[in-house]
Protein backbone atom coordinates (compact mmCIF):
# COMPACT_ATOMS: atom_id res chain seq x y z
CA MET A 1 56.64 70.85 38.05
CA LEU A 2 59.00 67.92 37.61
CA VAL A 3 57.70 64.49 36.72
CA ARG A 4 58.77 61.71 39.06
CA PRO A 5 60.04 58.69 37.09
CA ARG A 6 59.28 56.31 39.96
CA LYS A 7 55.57 57.05 39.62
CA VAL A 8 55.38 57.47 35.85
CA LEU A 9 57.36 54.40 34.77
CA PRO A 10 55.17 51.76 36.48
CA THR A 11 52.08 53.46 35.07
CA VAL A 12 53.48 53.45 31.53
CA ILE A 13 54.55 49.80 31.85
CA THR A 14 51.09 48.83 33.15
CA ILE A 15 49.35 50.62 30.27
CA CYS A 16 51.65 48.95 27.72
CA LEU A 17 51.05 45.52 29.26
CA ALA A 18 47.29 46.09 29.26
CA LEU A 19 47.31 47.07 25.58
CA TYR A 20 49.49 44.05 24.76
CA ALA A 21 47.12 41.78 26.68
CA LEU A 22 44.16 43.10 24.67
CA LYS A 23 46.02 42.56 21.41
CA ASP A 24 47.46 39.11 22.19
CA PRO A 25 45.88 37.40 25.24
CA GLU A 26 47.81 34.12 24.83
CA GLY A 27 51.13 35.92 24.53
CA ALA A 28 50.32 38.04 27.57
CA ALA A 29 49.47 34.92 29.57
CA THR A 30 52.84 33.43 28.59
CA VAL A 31 54.63 36.60 29.70
CA VAL A 32 52.79 36.57 33.04
CA LYS A 33 53.65 32.90 33.60
CA ALA A 34 57.30 33.56 32.76
CA ALA A 35 57.41 36.55 35.12
CA ALA A 36 55.82 34.52 37.91
CA HIS A 37 58.31 31.69 37.36
CA LEU A 38 61.20 34.16 37.42
CA LEU A 39 59.91 35.70 40.66
CA VAL A 40 59.55 32.29 42.32
CA SER A 41 63.04 31.26 41.21
CA ALA A 42 64.55 34.49 42.51
CA THR A 43 62.73 34.09 45.83
CA GLU A 44 64.01 30.51 46.20
CA SER A 45 67.55 31.62 45.40
CA VAL A 46 67.44 34.41 47.97
CA THR A 47 65.99 32.03 50.56
CA ARG A 48 68.76 29.50 49.93
CA PHE A 49 71.38 32.23 50.12
CA ILE A 50 70.01 33.50 53.46
CA GLN A 51 69.96 29.95 54.87
CA THR A 52 73.54 29.36 53.72
CA VAL A 53 74.76 32.62 55.27
CA SER A 54 72.93 32.03 58.55
CA ASN A 55 74.31 28.48 58.96
């Protein structure tokens, strides 16, 4: 049976992040904050782009 990378990769990443969070909680919090900031920035950029195209 073949392993599906789409299902395995997120699981591996989650496990690695959980282990990192246990080892270094402050560092993990910083990573989460940075990821959230990046997501918000990307969302704002896409929103601006859609508004520009639709106008």
